[in-house]
Structure formats: C-alpha cells, structure tokens
Amino acid sequence: MPVRNRRAAALPAKLSRSWLLVNAARPEDFAPALASEADSVIFDLEAAVPEEHKDAARQHVVDALSGGMTAWVRISATSTDHWQRDLEALAGVDGVRGVVLAETEEPEQVTFTAMRLRAGTPVIALLESALGIENATAVAKAPGTFRLAFGVNDFRKDVGVGEDPLAMAYARSRMVIASRVGGLPGAIDGPPGNTDGEDAVVDSSAVTASMGMTGRLVLNRDQVDWVNRAMSPSEDELAWARDLLEKHAQGAAVGDGSYLPRVLRAQKIADLADSYGLWNA
C-alpha cells in the first residue's frame, strides 16, 4: 500500500481517535502524516493556507490523492468562493476519504456539500460558532453528515469564553447529545495546543473523553500517539473487560440488574481493543 499506515487505513473512520491536520500548502508533509499512527489524516485547504496559496495547495491535494494517497480534506466554508472550487477539484478524485466542512452552521450546508461530491462521500461538519453549536442537532440529522467536529479556537473567538473545561462544557455536551440524537459516531473535539507536551495532551484528552467525545483533531504529528492512548480504553478497563467476558463465557451467574449492561460495556471495550490493536500492545 502506498505510504498509508496499514492499521490506520483499515480502521473505520467512525472509530478514529486522532485526526491529524496537515497544511495542504506543504505537500512534503503528506507522506510523513500518512505513515504516522494517526487514525485519520486531513489535508487542510482552509485555515492553514493563505489566500495567495489556495490554488497551489488545492492542486497539491488533487495530485496526491490521484497518485495513490488517501486522506480526508478540510474544505472552505460555503460562504467563500473557495468552497465551490474545492468541491469541483475533489469531485472525481479517488483518494478522497471524505471532507471536513469548515464553519458549518446550518444543515443545508452539509447537504449541499455532499450533493456536489461523489455519492456516499462522508462529510464531517466542523462547528466553530455559537450558531453552529445552537444548530448542532439539526446539523447532525442532515443528510450527508458523518460526524461532528469542534472548532474550539474559532468558537472561543466568536463567543468570548475561556479555555477552561467548565467554560467549554456546554458546547461539548451539545455536540455529544446531538451526535447521539442524529445517530452519528462520537463527536470529535478540538486539538491540543500545538506545543503541548505529553502530560498536557493526556490531561486535556481525559476531559474530551469524560465529556463523551471519542476523537480529537491534532495539529502536531508528535502528539498523535498521546491522543490515541488517551482516547483508548485504559489498561485497567482492558483487564476488567477481559476478566468479565471470560467469566461470562464460563457461565457466570447473573447477580443483579446491572450484570448484562456490564457485559455489554465489556464487549464494547473488547471490540475497541481489537480495532485499535490493544490486546497485544
């Protein structure tokens, strides 16, 4: 397989923990990103690319995804001229795994985007404003929406809140509930700080997981492993699940009304462990 990490390439995007953003104006970073342990890679045509480099960056993405690479692509907002240009360029490209729609605020924006791509191309709605969060449920239920993602920095600028987890709890909860109502995989949180070290990434990812979100955007390739570990079942959870499932298989008696829910929880952990390759890690 050209370039792409085989484990990550085989992982369904609904289970992706780390979503690594790569500046599309820097094609030399494409291959290292795809060879990394990032569950999903996003070539970024939007915020990372200055206006004067948009056309060149778009061509870099088309060339890469027509030449054996596969990745997601963050495209420009529907309010910009670049939205249509991005879609026209990507419509027939085989290596497009899906698109991330910047500045999503209305359900129709997702549907119109999906209609201009190859049938079945998934769209991740990036919510970056108060209006986007307020409309999260409608966006989650819109035809074409695959997952919701949180544009933390732009949201903070729009609303004026700090980065404290308590200040951001409402927005994250809205996305988690909306994803459930819309029948979507778990919501994707915003990225750690670009220069955050391991402890900071693990701590902030613990907040992400505690809120019910199941993935994170990542800006720094060096943080991918930390995010993956933090967003995976812990060693204690794996040991608990293995023990419970073994006892259940041996005919353990149902002790109370919580037994079957515990078995289901253990099976979910086991399934994730298999998908992420954790049992033998």
Protein backbone atom coordinates (compact mmCIF):
# COMPACT_ATOMS: atom_id res chain seq x y z
CA MET A 1 0.00 0.00 0.00
CA PRO A 2 1.49 3.37 -0.98
CA VAL A 3 2.51 5.35 2.07
CA ARG A 4 -0.54 4.82 4.26
CA ASN A 5 -0.14 3.19 7.63
CA ARG A 6 -1.97 -0.13 7.17
CA ARG A 7 -3.51 -0.26 10.64
CA ALA A 8 -4.92 3.23 10.33
CA ALA A 9 -6.05 2.70 6.75
CA ALA A 10 -8.07 -0.35 7.82
CA LEU A 11 -9.71 1.42 10.76
CA PRO A 12 -13.28 2.64 10.11
CA ALA A 13 -13.42 6.43 10.33
CA LYS A 14 -16.28 6.16 12.81
CA LEU A 15 -13.70 4.83 15.29
CA SER A 16 -10.90 7.30 14.52
CA ARG A 17 -9.43 8.85 17.66
CA SER A 18 -6.76 11.12 16.17
CA TRP A 19 -7.49 13.37 13.17
CA LEU A 20 -4.20 14.87 12.04
CA LEU A 21 -4.47 18.15 10.11
CA VAL A 22 -1.75 18.75 7.51
CA ASN A 23 -1.21 22.07 5.75
CA ALA A 24 -2.08 21.45 2.11
CA ALA A 25 0.45 24.08 1.03
CA ARG A 26 3.21 21.77 2.33
CA PRO A 27 2.97 18.57 0.26
CA GLU A 28 6.26 17.36 1.72
CA ASP A 29 4.34 16.71 4.95
CA PHE A 30 1.71 14.47 3.32
CA ALA A 31 3.68 11.21 3.30
CA PRO A 32 5.01 11.50 6.89
CA ALA A 33 1.49 12.21 8.11
CA LEU A 34 0.06 9.20 6.28
CA ALA A 35 2.83 6.96 7.60
CA SER A 36 2.19 8.09 11.17
CA GLU A 37 -0.07 6.43 13.71
CA ALA A 38 -2.84 9.00 13.10
CA ASP A 39 -6.13 7.15 12.70
CA SER A 40 -7.24 9.68 10.07
CA VAL A 41 -5.34 12.35 8.17
CA ILE A 42 -6.87 15.60 6.89
CA PHE A 43 -5.22 17.66 4.17
CA ASP A 44 -6.19 21.20 5.17
CA LEU A 45 -7.19 23.58 2.37
CA GLU A 46 -8.81 26.07 4.71
CA ALA A 47 -7.39 27.90 7.74
CA ALA A 48 -3.80 26.73 7.32
CA VAL A 49 -3.45 28.07 3.78
CA PRO A 50 -3.01 31.79 3.00
CA GLU A 51 -5.24 33.20 0.27
CA GLU A 52 -2.40 33.58 -2.23
CA HIS A 53 -1.52 29.86 -1.90
CA LYS A 54 -5.02 28.39 -2.13
CA ASP A 55 -4.85 27.38 -5.80
CA ALA A 56 -1.45 25.74 -5.46
CA ALA A 57 -2.49 23.91 -2.29
CA ARG A 58 -5.62 22.61 -3.99
CA GLN A 59 -3.51 21.22 -6.82
CA HIS A 60 -1.13 19.58 -4.33
CA VAL A 61 -4.09 17.76 -2.78
CA VAL A 62 -5.50 16.65 -6.12
CA ASP A 63 -2.10 15.37 -7.26
CA ALA A 64 -1.53 13.45 -4.02
CA LEU A 65 -4.99 11.89 -3.89
CA SER A 66 -4.83 10.96 -7.57
CA GLY A 67 -1.44 9.31 -7.12
CA GLY A 68 -2.08 6.62 -4.52
CA MET A 69 -2.57 8.56 -1.30
CA THR A 70 -5.86 8.57 0.61
CA ALA A 71 -6.94 11.23 3.08
CA TRP A 72 -9.72 13.47 4.25
CA VAL A 73 -9.75 17.08 3.07
CA ARG A 74 -10.84 20.14 5.01
CA ILE A 75 -12.56 22.41 2.53
CA SER A 76 -13.50 26.06 2.78
CA ALA A 77 -16.77 27.39 4.19
CA THR A 78 -19.84 27.62 1.97
CA SER A 79 -19.73 31.41 2.33
CA THR A 80 -16.47 31.60 0.35
CA ASP A 81 -15.68 31.32 -3.35
CA HIS A 82 -13.19 28.57 -2.50
CA TRP A 83 -15.94 26.18 -1.38
CA GLN A 84 -17.12 25.60 -4.95
CA ARG A 85 -13.57 25.44 -6.29
CA ASP A 86 -12.60 22.88 -3.66
CA LEU A 87 -15.59 20.70 -4.48
CA GLU A 88 -15.04 20.89 -8.22
CA ALA A 89 -11.42 19.85 -7.77
CA LEU A 90 -12.21 16.92 -5.46
CA ALA A 91 -15.39 15.57 -7.05
CA GLY A 92 -13.73 12.88 -9.18
CA VAL A 93 -10.62 12.14 -7.12
CA ASP A 94 -10.38 8.52 -5.95
CA GLY A 95 -8.26 9.14 -2.86
CA VAL A 96 -10.76 11.38 -1.07
CA ARG A 97 -11.96 9.52 2.03
CA GLY A 98 -14.30 12.36 2.97
CA VAL A 99 -14.38 16.10 3.57
CA VAL A 100 -14.43 18.31 6.65
CA LEU A 101 -16.66 21.32 6.07
CA ALA A 102 -15.35 24.45 7.78
CA GLU A 103 -17.65 26.88 9.59
CA THR A 104 -20.76 24.72 9.43
CA GLU A 105 -23.78 26.49 10.88
CA GLU A 106 -26.81 25.17 9.01
CA PRO A 107 -27.84 21.62 8.00
CA GLU A 108 -28.30 22.65 4.37
CA GLN A 109 -24.60 23.49 4.13
CA VAL A 110 -23.72 19.84 4.74
CA THR A 111 -26.33 18.52 2.34
CA PHE A 112 -25.36 20.90 -0.46
CA THR A 113 -21.73 19.90 0.03
CA ALA A 114 -22.50 16.18 -0.10
CA MET A 115 -24.57 16.65 -3.25
CA ARG A 116 -21.56 18.10 -5.08
CA LEU A 117 -19.29 15.18 -4.24
CA ARG A 118 -19.25 11.57 -5.37
CA ALA A 119 -22.29 9.76 -3.96
CA GLY A 120 -21.64 8.43 -0.47
CA THR A 121 -18.70 10.72 0.33
CA PRO A 122 -18.95 11.42 4.09
CA VAL A 123 -18.96 14.98 5.40
CA ILE A 124 -17.73 15.98 8.85
CA ALA A 125 -19.42 19.17 9.99
CA LEU A 126 -16.95 21.44 11.78
CA LEU A 127 -18.88 23.59 14.25
CA GLU A 128 -16.98 26.78 15.02
CA SER A 129 -19.53 29.35 16.18
CA ALA A 130 -22.40 29.93 18.57
CA LEU A 131 -24.87 29.39 15.73
CA GLY A 132 -23.19 26.14 14.75
CA ILE A 133 -23.44 24.81 18.31
CA GLU A 134 -27.02 26.02 18.64
CA ASN A 135 -27.93 24.14 15.44
CA ALA A 136 -25.88 21.04 16.31
CA THR A 137 -28.85 18.66 16.41
CA ALA A 138 -30.22 19.81 13.06
CA VAL A 139 -26.76 19.55 11.51
CA ALA A 140 -26.28 16.06 12.98
CA LYS A 141 -29.57 14.91 11.41
CA ALA A 142 -28.85 16.46 8.00
CA PRO A 143 -28.41 14.11 5.01
CA GLY A 144 -24.68 13.70 4.40
CA THR A 145 -23.43 14.39 7.93
CA PHE A 146 -20.99 11.70 9.09
CA ARG A 147 -19.62 13.16 12.35
CA LEU A 148 -19.49 16.47 14.17
CA ALA A 149 -16.18 18.17 15.00
CA PHE A 150 -15.48 21.11 17.28
CA GLY A 151 -13.56 24.16 16.03
CA VAL A 152 -12.52 25.23 19.50
CA ASN A 153 -10.40 28.29 18.80
CA ASP A 154 -12.84 29.97 16.42
CA PHE A 155 -15.72 29.13 18.76
CA ARG A 156 -13.92 30.83 21.64
CA LYS A 157 -13.33 33.91 19.49
CA ASP A 158 -16.97 34.02 18.47
CA VAL A 159 -18.41 33.56 21.95
CA GLY A 160 -15.71 35.09 24.13
CA VAL A 161 -15.29 32.18 26.56
CA GLY A 162 -12.04 30.97 28.08
CA GLU A 163 -10.37 27.62 27.51
CA ASP A 164 -11.28 26.25 30.94
CA PRO A 165 -13.12 22.93 30.54
CA LEU A 166 -16.06 24.27 32.52
CA ALA A 167 -16.45 27.20 30.13
CA MET A 168 -16.47 24.82 27.15
CA ALA A 169 -18.65 22.12 28.73
CA TYR A 170 -21.94 23.33 27.30
CA ALA A 171 -20.71 23.33 23.71
CA ARG A 172 -19.12 19.90 24.03
CA SER A 173 -22.24 18.46 25.64
CA ARG A 174 -24.44 19.89 22.89
CA MET A 175 -22.28 18.14 20.29
CA VAL A 176 -22.31 14.83 22.17
CA ILE A 177 -26.09 14.84 22.62
CA ALA A 178 -26.66 15.99 19.03
CA SER A 179 -24.46 13.18 17.72
CA ARG A 180 -26.47 10.64 19.69
CA VAL A 181 -29.80 12.07 18.51
CA GLY A 182 -28.57 12.10 14.92
CA GLY A 183 -27.34 8.51 15.11
CA LEU A 184 -23.74 9.56 14.42
CA PRO A 185 -20.44 8.22 15.77
CA GLY A 186 -18.98 10.17 18.69
CA ALA A 187 -18.13 13.84 18.25
CA ILE A 188 -14.56 14.96 17.54
CA ASP A 189 -13.04 17.52 19.93
CA GLY A 190 -10.70 20.35 19.04
CA PRO A 191 -6.92 19.95 19.13
CA PRO A 192 -4.42 20.21 21.97
CA GLY A 193 -2.19 23.26 21.90
CA ASN A 194 0.37 22.87 19.13
CA THR A 195 3.28 22.93 21.59
CA ASP A 196 1.63 20.93 24.40
CA GLY A 197 3.74 18.16 25.85
CA GLU A 198 2.61 14.66 26.74
CA ASP A 199 1.16 15.45 30.17
CA ALA A 200 -0.89 18.38 28.85
CA VAL A 201 -2.19 16.36 25.89
CA VAL A 202 -3.16 13.43 28.09
CA ASP A 203 -4.87 15.68 30.63
CA SER A 204 -6.88 17.60 28.05
CA SER A 205 -7.78 14.38 26.23
CA ALA A 206 -9.11 12.99 29.50
CA VAL A 207 -11.51 15.94 29.55
CA THR A 208 -12.50 15.14 25.96
CA ALA A 209 -13.23 11.53 26.85
CA SER A 210 -15.10 12.44 30.03
CA MET A 211 -17.44 14.64 28.01
CA GLY A 212 -18.36 11.68 25.80
CA MET A 213 -16.39 12.74 22.73
CA THR A 214 -14.46 9.96 21.01
CA GLY A 215 -11.89 11.73 18.81
CA ARG A 216 -9.67 14.81 18.62
CA LEU A 217 -8.23 16.97 15.93
CA VAL A 218 -4.42 17.14 16.10
CA LEU A 219 -2.11 19.82 14.70
CA ASN A 220 1.24 18.33 15.71
CA ARG A 221 2.28 14.90 14.43
CA ASP A 222 4.30 14.29 17.59
CA GLN A 223 1.07 14.36 19.66
CA VAL A 224 -0.73 11.62 17.75
CA ASP A 225 0.39 8.68 19.92
CA TRP A 226 -0.52 10.55 23.09
CA VAL A 227 -4.01 11.30 21.81
CA ASN A 228 -4.52 7.72 20.65
CA ARG A 229 -3.54 6.31 24.02
CA ALA A 230 -5.59 8.81 25.98
CA MET A 231 -8.69 8.22 23.83
CA SER A 232 -8.44 4.42 24.06
CA PRO A 233 -9.63 2.05 26.81
CA SER A 234 -7.13 2.09 29.68
CA GLU A 235 -5.16 -0.95 30.83
CA ASP A 236 -7.47 -1.26 33.83
CA GLU A 237 -10.53 -1.21 31.56
CA LEU A 238 -8.98 -3.83 29.28
CA ALA A 239 -8.19 -6.11 32.23
CA TRP A 240 -11.71 -5.66 33.65
CA ALA A 241 -13.34 -6.39 30.30
CA ARG A 242 -11.23 -9.46 29.63
CA ASP A 243 -11.95 -10.86 33.11
CA LEU A 244 -15.70 -10.22 32.93
CA LEU A 245 -16.07 -11.67 29.43
CA GLU A 246 -14.09 -14.78 30.37
CA LYS A 247 -16.29 -15.35 33.42
CA HIS A 248 -19.42 -14.72 31.37
CA ALA A 249 -18.30 -17.24 28.75
CA GLN A 250 -17.84 -19.78 31.55
CA GLY A 251 -21.45 -19.30 32.66
CA ALA A 252 -21.18 -16.76 35.47
CA ALA A 253 -24.50 -16.24 37.21
CA VAL A 254 -26.47 -13.02 36.70
CA GLY A 255 -26.21 -11.36 40.10
CA ASP A 256 -28.23 -8.18 39.63
CA GLY A 257 -29.87 -5.92 37.09
CA SER A 258 -26.60 -4.27 36.15
CA TYR A 259 -24.92 -7.50 35.06
CA LEU A 260 -25.98 -7.52 31.41
CA PRO A 261 -25.19 -3.79 30.93
CA ARG A 262 -21.72 -4.52 32.34
CA VAL A 263 -21.30 -7.36 29.86
CA LEU A 264 -22.29 -5.07 27.01
CA ARG A 265 -19.83 -2.45 28.22
CA ALA A 266 -17.09 -5.08 28.44
CA GLN A 267 -17.85 -6.27 24.91
CA LYS A 268 -17.65 -2.70 23.59
CA ILE A 269 -14.24 -2.29 25.23
CA ALA A 270 -13.11 -5.60 23.74
CA ASP A 271 -14.29 -4.58 20.28
CA LEU A 272 -12.40 -1.28 20.54
CA ALA A 273 -9.31 -3.12 21.75
CA ASP A 274 -9.45 -5.34 18.69
CA SER A 275 -9.94 -2.39 16.35
CA TYR A 276 -7.08 -0.40 17.86
CA GLY A 277 -4.74 -3.39 18.22
CA LEU A 278 -4.52 -3.03 22.00
CA TRP A 279 -4.70 -6.58 23.25
CA ASN A 280 -1.10 -7.28 22.28
CA ALA A 281 0.20 -3.69 22.65
